[in-house]
Amino acid sequence: MLLSELAEKELIQVKDGARYGKLANTELLFDPSSGKIKGFEVYQKSASFFQVNKTNKKKEFISWEEIILIGKDRILFNETDSFNDNSDYS
């Protein structure tokens, strides 16, 4: 499957059904030496529909290992990790 095909799929956390938007709206993190995908950087899900200011939201990380299923329209995953500047995700 091409990355362009994955881009339009919606990210959904299985635990609580939270939607994290489309994969195209994330930052792809990969290992430059191997070319393998490490995961995706996403903004924390908002509690309010009207909260659209991304500057106040925390970043989270979806590890490639947390992905359960890549379906026709959705990508289901288990957990996210908090993302901080000291992490080894980049």
PDB file of N, CA and C in Angstrom:
ATOM      1  N   MET A   1       0.848  -1.176   0.000  1.00  0.00           N
ATOM      2  CA  MET A   1       0.000   0.000   0.000  1.00  0.00           C
ATOM      3  C   MET A   1       0.894   1.240   0.000  1.00  0.00           C
ATOM      4  N   LEU A   2       0.554   2.199  -0.806  1.00  0.00           N
ATOM      5  CA  LEU A   2       1.311   3.435  -0.909  1.00  0.00           C
ATOM      6  C   LEU A   2       0.952   4.392   0.229  1.00  0.00           C
ATOM      7  N   LEU A   3       1.914   5.231   0.610  1.00  0.00           N
ATOM      8  CA  LEU A   3       1.665   6.220   1.651  1.00  0.00           C
ATOM      9  C   LEU A   3       0.545   7.174   1.242  1.00  0.00           C
ATOM     10  N   SER A   4       0.452   7.481  -0.039  1.00  0.00           N
ATOM     11  CA  SER A   4      -0.629   8.361  -0.515  1.00  0.00           C
ATOM     12  C   SER A   4      -2.001   7.728  -0.299  1.00  0.00           C
ATOM     13  N   GLU A   5      -2.083   6.403  -0.331  1.00  0.00           N
ATOM     14  CA  GLU A   5      -3.350   5.713  -0.058  1.00  0.00           C
ATOM     15  C   GLU A   5      -3.677   5.747   1.430  1.00  0.00           C
ATOM     16  N   LEU A   6      -2.652   5.708   2.279  1.00  0.00           N
ATOM     17  CA  LEU A   6      -2.859   5.771   3.723  1.00  0.00           C
ATOM     18  C   LEU A   6      -3.286   7.169   4.185  1.00  0.00           C
ATOM     19  N   ALA A   7      -2.854   8.187   3.450  1.00  0.00           N
ATOM     20  CA  ALA A   7      -3.036   9.577   3.873  1.00  0.00           C
ATOM     21  C   ALA A   7      -4.491   9.965   4.122  1.00  0.00           C
ATOM     22  N   GLU A   8      -5.420   9.422   3.386  1.00  0.00           N
ATOM     23  CA  GLU A   8      -6.831   9.803   3.533  1.00  0.00           C
ATOM     24  C   GLU A   8      -7.585   8.963   4.564  1.00  0.00           C
ATOM     25  N   LYS A   9      -6.895   8.064   5.233  1.00  0.00           N
ATOM     26  CA  LYS A   9      -7.551   7.234   6.243  1.00  0.00           C
ATOM     27  C   LYS A   9      -7.606   7.964   7.576  1.00  0.00           C
ATOM     28  N   GLU A  10      -8.700   7.763   8.306  1.00  0.00           N
ATOM     29  CA  GLU A  10      -8.916   8.417   9.586  1.00  0.00           C
ATOM     30  C   GLU A  10      -8.298   7.590  10.709  1.00  0.00           C
ATOM     31  N   LEU A  11      -7.614   8.259  11.644  1.00  0.00           N
ATOM     32  CA  LEU A  11      -7.004   7.602  12.797  1.00  0.00           C
ATOM     33  C   LEU A  11      -7.997   7.547  13.946  1.00  0.00           C
ATOM     34  N   ILE A  12      -8.261   6.338  14.445  1.00  0.00           N
ATOM     35  CA  ILE A  12      -9.217   6.169  15.544  1.00  0.00           C
ATOM     36  C   ILE A  12      -8.596   5.299  16.624  1.00  0.00           C
ATOM     37  N   GLN A  13      -8.642   5.804  17.867  1.00  0.00           N
ATOM     38  CA  GLN A  13      -8.137   5.046  19.002  1.00  0.00           C
ATOM     39  C   GLN A  13      -9.210   4.059  19.447  1.00  0.00           C
ATOM     40  N   VAL A  14      -8.852   2.800  19.550  1.00  0.00           N
ATOM     41  CA  VAL A  14      -9.811   1.739  19.863  1.00  0.00           C
ATOM     42  C   VAL A  14     -10.372   1.874  21.284  1.00  0.00           C
ATOM     43  N   LYS A  15      -9.535   2.259  22.226  1.00  0.00           N
ATOM     44  CA  LYS A  15      -9.906   2.307  23.642  1.00  0.00           C
ATOM     45  C   LYS A  15     -11.173   3.123  23.901  1.00  0.00           C
ATOM     46  N   ASP A  16     -11.227   4.329  23.337  1.00  0.00           N
ATOM     47  CA  ASP A  16     -12.386   5.185  23.602  1.00  0.00           C
ATOM     48  C   ASP A  16     -13.060   5.718  22.341  1.00  0.00           C
ATOM     49  N   GLY A  17     -12.626   5.264  21.189  1.00  0.00           N
ATOM     50  CA  GLY A  17     -13.236   5.692  19.937  1.00  0.00           C
ATOM     51  C   GLY A  17     -12.869   7.105  19.514  1.00  0.00           C
ATOM     52  N   ALA A  18     -11.834   7.681  20.154  1.00  0.00           N
ATOM     53  CA  ALA A  18     -11.431   9.058  19.848  1.00  0.00           C
ATOM     54  C   ALA A  18     -10.880   9.142  18.437  1.00  0.00           C
ATOM     55  N   ARG A  19     -11.262  10.197  17.750  1.00  0.00           N
ATOM     56  CA  ARG A  19     -10.798  10.431  16.382  1.00  0.00           C
ATOM     57  C   ARG A  19      -9.662  11.442  16.410  1.00  0.00           C
ATOM     58  N   TYR A  20      -8.596  11.118  15.714  1.00  0.00           N
ATOM     59  CA  TYR A  20      -7.420  11.979  15.672  1.00  0.00           C
ATOM     60  C   TYR A  20      -7.237  12.620  14.307  1.00  0.00           C
ATOM     61  N   GLY A  21      -8.231  12.586  13.486  1.00  0.00           N
ATOM     62  CA  GLY A  21      -8.131  13.188  12.163  1.00  0.00           C
ATOM     63  C   GLY A  21      -7.543  12.221  11.148  1.00  0.00           C
ATOM     64  N   LYS A  22      -7.223  12.758   9.997  1.00  0.00           N
ATOM     65  CA  LYS A  22      -6.684  11.927   8.915  1.00  0.00           C
ATOM     66  C   LYS A  22      -5.175  11.833   9.025  1.00  0.00           C
ATOM     67  N   LEU A  23      -4.663  10.751   8.532  1.00  0.00           N
ATOM     68  CA  LEU A  23      -3.229  10.519   8.564  1.00  0.00           C
ATOM     69  C   LEU A  23      -2.475  11.631   7.833  1.00  0.00           C
ATOM     70  N   ALA A  24      -3.073  12.228   6.831  1.00  0.00           N
ATOM     71  CA  ALA A  24      -2.440  13.319   6.082  1.00  0.00           C
ATOM     72  C   ALA A  24      -2.155  14.528   6.966  1.00  0.00           C
ATOM     73  N   ASN A  25      -2.855  14.667   8.091  1.00  0.00           N
ATOM     74  CA  ASN A  25      -2.676  15.798   8.991  1.00  0.00           C
ATOM     75  C   ASN A  25      -1.667  15.520  10.097  1.00  0.00           C
ATOM     76  N   THR A  26      -0.905  14.443   9.991  1.00  0.00           N
ATOM     77  CA  THR A  26       0.088  14.083  10.992  1.00  0.00           C
ATOM     78  C   THR A  26       1.490  14.308  10.442  1.00  0.00           C
ATOM     79  N   GLU A  27       2.442  14.199  11.328  1.00  0.00           N
ATOM     80  CA  GLU A  27       3.845  14.224  10.929  1.00  0.00           C
ATOM     81  C   GLU A  27       4.347  12.789  10.957  1.00  0.00           C
ATOM     82  N   LEU A  28       4.865  12.328   9.861  1.00  0.00           N
ATOM     83  CA  LEU A  28       5.421  10.981   9.750  1.00  0.00           C
ATOM     84  C   LEU A  28       6.830  10.986  10.313  1.00  0.00           C
ATOM     85  N   LEU A  29       7.105  10.067  11.227  1.00  0.00           N
ATOM     86  CA  LEU A  29       8.444   9.934  11.790  1.00  0.00           C
ATOM     87  C   LEU A  29       9.008   8.590  11.359  1.00  0.00           C
ATOM     88  N   PHE A  30      10.202   8.598  10.797  1.00  0.00           N
ATOM     89  CA  PHE A  30      10.792   7.350  10.321  1.00  0.00           C
ATOM     90  C   PHE A  30      12.270   7.301  10.643  1.00  0.00           C
ATOM     91  N   ASP A  31      12.828   6.102  10.595  1.00  0.00           N
ATOM     92  CA  ASP A  31      14.243   5.873  10.832  1.00  0.00           C
ATOM     93  C   ASP A  31      14.983   6.108   9.520  1.00  0.00           C
ATOM     94  N   PRO A  32      15.806   7.139   9.438  1.00  0.00           N
ATOM     95  CA  PRO A  32      16.465   7.453   8.173  1.00  0.00           C
ATOM     96  C   PRO A  32      17.456   6.380   7.711  1.00  0.00           C
ATOM     97  N   SER A  33      17.994   5.610   8.634  1.00  0.00           N
ATOM     98  CA  SER A  33      18.959   4.590   8.230  1.00  0.00           C
ATOM     99  C   SER A  33      18.300   3.375   7.600  1.00  0.00           C
ATOM    100  N   SER A  34      17.097   3.024   8.091  1.00  0.00           N
ATOM    101  CA  SER A  34      16.415   1.840   7.558  1.00  0.00           C
ATOM    102  C   SER A  34      15.251   2.193   6.634  1.00  0.00           C
ATOM    103  N   GLY A  35      14.711   3.412   6.779  1.00  0.00           N
ATOM    104  CA  GLY A  35      13.545   3.816   5.996  1.00  0.00           C
ATOM    105  C   GLY A  35      12.231   3.315   6.577  1.00  0.00           C
ATOM    106  N   LYS A  36      12.278   2.648   7.721  1.00  0.00           N
ATOM    107  CA  LYS A  36      11.063   2.119   8.345  1.00  0.00           C
ATOM    108  C   LYS A  36      10.327   3.211   9.106  1.00  0.00           C
ATOM    109  N   ILE A  37       9.007   3.138   9.067  1.00  0.00           N
ATOM    110  CA  ILE A  37       8.161   4.098   9.783  1.00  0.00           C
ATOM    111  C   ILE A  37       8.224   3.799  11.278  1.00  0.00           C
ATOM    112  N   LYS A  38       8.529   4.838  12.082  1.00  0.00           N
ATOM    113  CA  LYS A  38       8.498   4.704  13.539  1.00  0.00           C
ATOM    114  C   LYS A  38       7.083   4.956  14.064  1.00  0.00           C
ATOM    115  N   GLY A  39       6.418   5.935  13.469  1.00  0.00           N
ATOM    116  CA  GLY A  39       5.080   6.276  13.924  1.00  0.00           C
ATOM    117  C   GLY A  39       4.656   7.626  13.399  1.00  0.00           C
ATOM    118  N   PHE A  40       3.658   8.205  14.081  1.00  0.00           N
ATOM    119  CA  PHE A  40       3.046   9.442  13.632  1.00  0.00           C
ATOM    120  C   PHE A  40       2.890  10.404  14.795  1.00  0.00           C
ATOM    121  N   GLU A  41       3.211  11.656  14.574  1.00  0.00           N
ATOM    122  CA  GLU A  41       3.022  12.698  15.565  1.00  0.00           C
ATOM    123  C   GLU A  41       1.668  13.344  15.297  1.00  0.00           C
ATOM    124  N   VAL A  42       0.815  13.376  16.322  1.00  0.00           N
ATOM    125  CA  VAL A  42      -0.524  13.950  16.184  1.00  0.00           C
ATOM    126  C   VAL A  42      -0.762  14.933  17.312  1.00  0.00           C
ATOM    127  N   TYR A  43      -1.733  15.817  17.123  1.00  0.00           N
ATOM    128  CA  TYR A  43      -2.134  16.699  18.208  1.00  0.00           C
ATOM    129  C   TYR A  43      -3.138  15.981  19.080  1.00  0.00           C
ATOM    130  N   GLN A  44      -3.067  16.260  20.375  1.00  0.00           N
ATOM    131  CA  GLN A  44      -3.963  15.658  21.342  1.00  0.00           C
ATOM    132  C   GLN A  44      -5.406  15.914  20.942  1.00  0.00           C
ATOM    133  N   LYS A  45      -6.246  14.903  21.100  1.00  0.00           N
ATOM    134  CA  LYS A  45      -7.658  15.065  20.757  1.00  0.00           C
ATOM    135  C   LYS A  45      -8.258  16.170  21.609  1.00  0.00           C
ATOM    136  N   SER A  46      -9.145  16.946  21.022  1.00  0.00           N
ATOM    137  CA  SER A  46      -9.737  18.072  21.747  1.00  0.00           C
ATOM    138  C   SER A  46     -11.002  17.633  22.455  1.00  0.00           C
ATOM    139  N   ALA A  47     -11.259  18.268  23.574  1.00  0.00           N
ATOM    140  CA  ALA A  47     -12.468  17.983  24.332  1.00  0.00           C
ATOM    141  C   ALA A  47     -13.664  18.712  23.746  1.00  0.00           C
ATOM    142  N   SER A  48     -13.393  19.747  22.982  1.00  0.00           N
ATOM    143  CA  SER A  48     -14.457  20.569  22.439  1.00  0.00           C
ATOM    144  C   SER A  48     -14.356  20.640  20.920  1.00  0.00           C
ATOM    145  N   PHE A  49     -15.492  20.631  20.273  1.00  0.00           N
ATOM    146  CA  PHE A  49     -15.540  20.760  18.820  1.00  0.00           C
ATOM    147  C   PHE A  49     -14.973  22.097  18.368  1.00  0.00           C
ATOM    148  N   PHE A  50     -15.138  23.112  19.196  1.00  0.00           N
ATOM    149  CA  PHE A  50     -14.742  24.469  18.827  1.00  0.00           C
ATOM    150  C   PHE A  50     -13.277  24.772  19.130  1.00  0.00           C
ATOM    151  N   GLN A  51     -12.585  23.839  19.778  1.00  0.00           N
ATOM    152  CA  GLN A  51     -11.176  24.060  20.094  1.00  0.00           C
ATOM    153  C   GLN A  51     -10.335  23.692  18.876  1.00  0.00           C
ATOM    154  N   VAL A  52      -9.971  24.678  18.103  1.00  0.00           N
ATOM    155  CA  VAL A  52      -9.221  24.422  16.876  1.00  0.00           C
ATOM    156  C   VAL A  52      -7.812  24.994  16.923  1.00  0.00           C
ATOM    157  N   ASN A  53      -7.459  25.684  17.989  1.00  0.00           N
ATOM    158  CA  ASN A  53      -6.140  26.285  18.105  1.00  0.00           C
ATOM    159  C   ASN A  53      -5.107  25.214  18.458  1.00  0.00           C
ATOM    160  N   LYS A  54      -4.278  24.830  17.496  1.00  0.00           N
ATOM    161  CA  LYS A  54      -3.300  23.771  17.705  1.00  0.00           C
ATOM    162  C   LYS A  54      -2.129  24.208  18.570  1.00  0.00           C
ATOM    163  N   THR A  55      -1.920  25.503  18.753  1.00  0.00           N
ATOM    164  CA  THR A  55      -0.778  25.962  19.524  1.00  0.00           C
ATOM    165  C   THR A  55      -0.911  25.615  21.002  1.00  0.00           C
ATOM    166  N   ASN A  56      -2.119  25.461  21.518  1.00  0.00           N
ATOM    167  CA  ASN A  56      -2.330  25.143  22.923  1.00  0.00           C
ATOM    168  C   ASN A  56      -2.428  23.644  23.183  1.00  0.00           C
ATOM    169  N   LYS A  57      -2.430  22.845  22.149  1.00  0.00           N
ATOM    170  CA  LYS A  57      -2.572  21.405  22.314  1.00  0.00           C
ATOM    171  C   LYS A  57      -1.211  20.739  22.444  1.00  0.00           C
ATOM    172  N   LYS A  58      -1.181  19.623  23.163  1.00  0.00           N
ATOM    173  CA  LYS A  58       0.032  18.837  23.292  1.00  0.00           C
ATOM    174  C   LYS A  58       0.135  17.879  22.114  1.00  0.00           C
ATOM    175  N   LYS A  59       1.358  17.560  21.772  1.00  0.00           N
ATOM    176  CA  LYS A  59       1.574  16.577  20.720  1.00  0.00           C
ATOM    177  C   LYS A  59       1.589  15.184  21.334  1.00  0.00           C
ATOM    178  N   GLU A  60       1.118  14.219  20.574  1.00  0.00           N
ATOM    179  CA  GLU A  60       1.149  12.824  20.986  1.00  0.00           C
ATOM    180  C   GLU A  60       1.777  12.015  19.869  1.00  0.00           C
ATOM    181  N   PHE A  61       2.204  10.821  20.197  1.00  0.00           N
ATOM    182  CA  PHE A  61       2.891   9.959  19.256  1.00  0.00           C
ATOM    183  C   PHE A  61       2.154   8.633  19.160  1.00  0.00           C
ATOM    184  N   ILE A  62       1.855   8.209  17.940  1.00  0.00           N
ATOM    185  CA  ILE A  62       1.284   6.890  17.694  1.00  0.00           C
ATOM    186  C   ILE A  62       2.395   6.031  17.113  1.00  0.00           C
ATOM    187  N   SER A  63       2.857   5.070  17.885  1.00  0.00           N
ATOM    188  CA  SER A  63       3.905   4.170  17.425  1.00  0.00           C
ATOM    189  C   SER A  63       3.345   3.222  16.367  1.00  0.00           C
ATOM    190  N   TRP A  64       4.157   2.876  15.387  1.00  0.00           N
ATOM    191  CA  TRP A  64       3.734   1.945  14.342  1.00  0.00           C
ATOM    192  C   TRP A  64       3.285   0.612  14.962  1.00  0.00           C
ATOM    193  N   GLU A  65       3.912   0.218  16.064  1.00  0.00           N
ATOM    194  CA  GLU A  65       3.556  -1.042  16.735  1.00  0.00           C
ATOM    195  C   GLU A  65       2.174  -0.990  17.381  1.00  0.00           C
ATOM    196  N   GLU A  66       1.643   0.194  17.629  1.00  0.00           N
ATOM    197  CA  GLU A  66       0.320   0.346  18.248  1.00  0.00           C
ATOM    198  C   GLU A  66      -0.821   0.215  17.231  1.00  0.00           C
ATOM    199  N   ILE A  67      -0.505   0.210  15.964  1.00  0.00           N
ATOM    200  CA  ILE A  67      -1.546   0.093  14.943  1.00  0.00           C
ATOM    201  C   ILE A  67      -2.058  -1.336  14.902  1.00  0.00           C
ATOM    202  N   ILE A  68      -3.381  -1.472  15.031  1.00  0.00           N
ATOM    203  CA  ILE A  68      -4.027  -2.774  15.060  1.00  0.00           C
ATOM    204  C   ILE A  68      -4.506  -3.182  13.675  1.00  0.00           C
ATOM    205  N   LEU A  69      -5.147  -2.242  12.989  1.00  0.00           N
ATOM    206  CA  LEU A  69      -5.800  -2.561  11.727  1.00  0.00           C
ATOM    207  C   LEU A  69      -5.755  -1.372  10.783  1.00  0.00           C
ATOM    208  N   ILE A  70      -5.436  -1.640   9.539  1.00  0.00           N
ATOM    209  CA  ILE A  70      -5.541  -0.633   8.492  1.00  0.00           C
ATOM    210  C   ILE A  70      -6.662  -1.097   7.580  1.00  0.00           C
ATOM    211  N   GLY A  71      -7.806  -0.425   7.697  1.00  0.00           N
ATOM    212  CA  GLY A  71      -8.986  -0.806   6.929  1.00  0.00           C
ATOM    213  C   GLY A  71      -9.153   0.047   5.685  1.00  0.00           C
ATOM    214  N   LYS A  72     -10.304  -0.089   5.067  1.00  0.00           N
ATOM    215  CA  LYS A  72     -10.608   0.640   3.839  1.00  0.00           C
ATOM    216  C   LYS A  72     -10.612   2.154   4.061  1.00  0.00           C
ATOM    217  N   ASP A  73     -11.205   2.603   5.176  1.00  0.00           N
ATOM    218  CA  ASP A  73     -11.339   4.034   5.447  1.00  0.00           C
ATOM    219  C   ASP A  73     -10.658   4.499   6.731  1.00  0.00           C
ATOM    220  N   ARG A  74     -10.248   3.552   7.582  1.00  0.00           N
ATOM    221  CA  ARG A  74      -9.762   3.909   8.914  1.00  0.00           C
ATOM    222  C   ARG A  74      -8.508   3.144   9.291  1.00  0.00           C
ATOM    223  N   ILE A  75      -7.764   3.748  10.225  1.00  0.00           N
ATOM    224  CA  ILE A  75      -6.631   3.083  10.856  1.00  0.00           C
ATOM    225  C   ILE A  75      -6.945   3.027  12.343  1.00  0.00           C
ATOM    226  N   LEU A  76      -7.003   1.833  12.906  1.00  0.00           N
ATOM    227  CA  LEU A  76      -7.298   1.652  14.320  1.00  0.00           C
ATOM    228  C   LEU A  76      -5.989   1.426  15.069  1.00  0.00           C
ATOM    229  N   PHE A  77      -5.862   2.079  16.235  1.00  0.00           N
ATOM    230  CA  PHE A  77      -4.656   1.918  17.035  1.00  0.00           C
ATOM    231  C   PHE A  77      -5.005   1.863  18.513  1.00  0.00           C
ATOM    232  N   ASN A  78      -4.064   1.352  19.316  1.00  0.00           N
ATOM    233  CA  ASN A  78      -4.279   1.194  20.757  1.00  0.00           C
ATOM    234  C   ASN A  78      -4.078   2.480  21.533  1.00  0.00           C
ATOM    235  N   GLU A  79      -2.842   2.866  21.762  1.00  0.00           N
ATOM    236  CA  GLU A  79      -2.514   3.964  22.656  1.00  0.00           C
ATOM    237  C   GLU A  79      -1.632   4.993  21.974  1.00  0.00           C
ATOM    238  N   THR A  80      -1.606   6.177  22.566  1.00  0.00           N
ATOM    239  CA  THR A  80      -0.650   7.202  22.157  1.00  0.00           C
ATOM    240  C   THR A  80       0.291   7.447  23.321  1.00  0.00           C
ATOM    241  N   ASP A  81       1.440   7.979  23.022  1.00  0.00           N
ATOM    242  CA  ASP A  81       2.400   8.406  24.040  1.00  0.00           C
ATOM    243  C   ASP A  81       2.487   9.919  23.988  1.00  0.00           C
ATOM    244  N   SER A  82       2.709  10.536  25.158  1.00  0.00           N
ATOM    245  CA  SER A  82       2.929  11.981  25.168  1.00  0.00           C
ATOM    246  C   SER A  82       4.237  12.266  24.459  1.00  0.00           C
ATOM    247  N   PHE A  83       4.267  13.345  23.749  1.00  0.00           N
ATOM    248  CA  PHE A  83       5.431  13.708  22.947  1.00  0.00           C
ATOM    249  C   PHE A  83       6.079  14.914  23.593  1.00  0.00           C
ATOM    250  N   ASN A  84       7.351  14.789  23.904  1.00  0.00           N
ATOM    251  CA  ASN A  84       8.070  15.954  24.416  1.00  0.00           C
ATOM    252  C   ASN A  84       9.385  16.096  23.664  1.00  0.00           C
ATOM    253  N   ASP A  85      10.042  17.197  23.855  1.00  0.00           N
ATOM    254  CA  ASP A  85      11.259  17.487  23.107  1.00  0.00           C
ATOM    255  C   ASP A  85      12.410  16.559  23.460  1.00  0.00           C
ATOM    256  N   ASN A  86      12.343  15.862  24.594  1.00  0.00           N
ATOM    257  CA  ASN A  86      13.433  14.984  25.007  1.00  0.00           C
ATOM    258  C   ASN A  86      13.232  13.549  24.555  1.00  0.00           C
ATOM    259  N   SER A  87      12.129  13.249  23.916  1.00  0.00           N
ATOM    260  CA  SER A  87      11.853  11.869  23.515  1.00  0.00           C
ATOM    261  C   SER A  87      12.718  11.457  22.336  1.00  0.00           C
ATOM    262  N   ASP A  88      12.780  10.160  22.108  1.00  0.00           N
ATOM    263  CA  ASP A  88      13.626   9.610  21.041  1.00  0.00           C
ATOM    264  C   ASP A  88      12.806   9.310  19.793  1.00  0.00           C
ATOM    265  N   TYR A  89      11.711  10.035  19.559  1.00  0.00           N
ATOM    266  CA  TYR A  89      10.852   9.762  18.404  1.00  0.00           C
ATOM    267  C   TYR A  89      11.380  10.376  17.137  1.00  0.00           C
ATOM    268  N   SER A  90      12.120  11.458  17.250  1.00  0.00           N
ATOM    269  CA  SER A  90      12.578  12.125  16.033  1.00  0.00           C
ATOM    270  C   SER A  90      13.852  11.535  15.491  1.00  0.00           C
TER     271      SER A  90
END
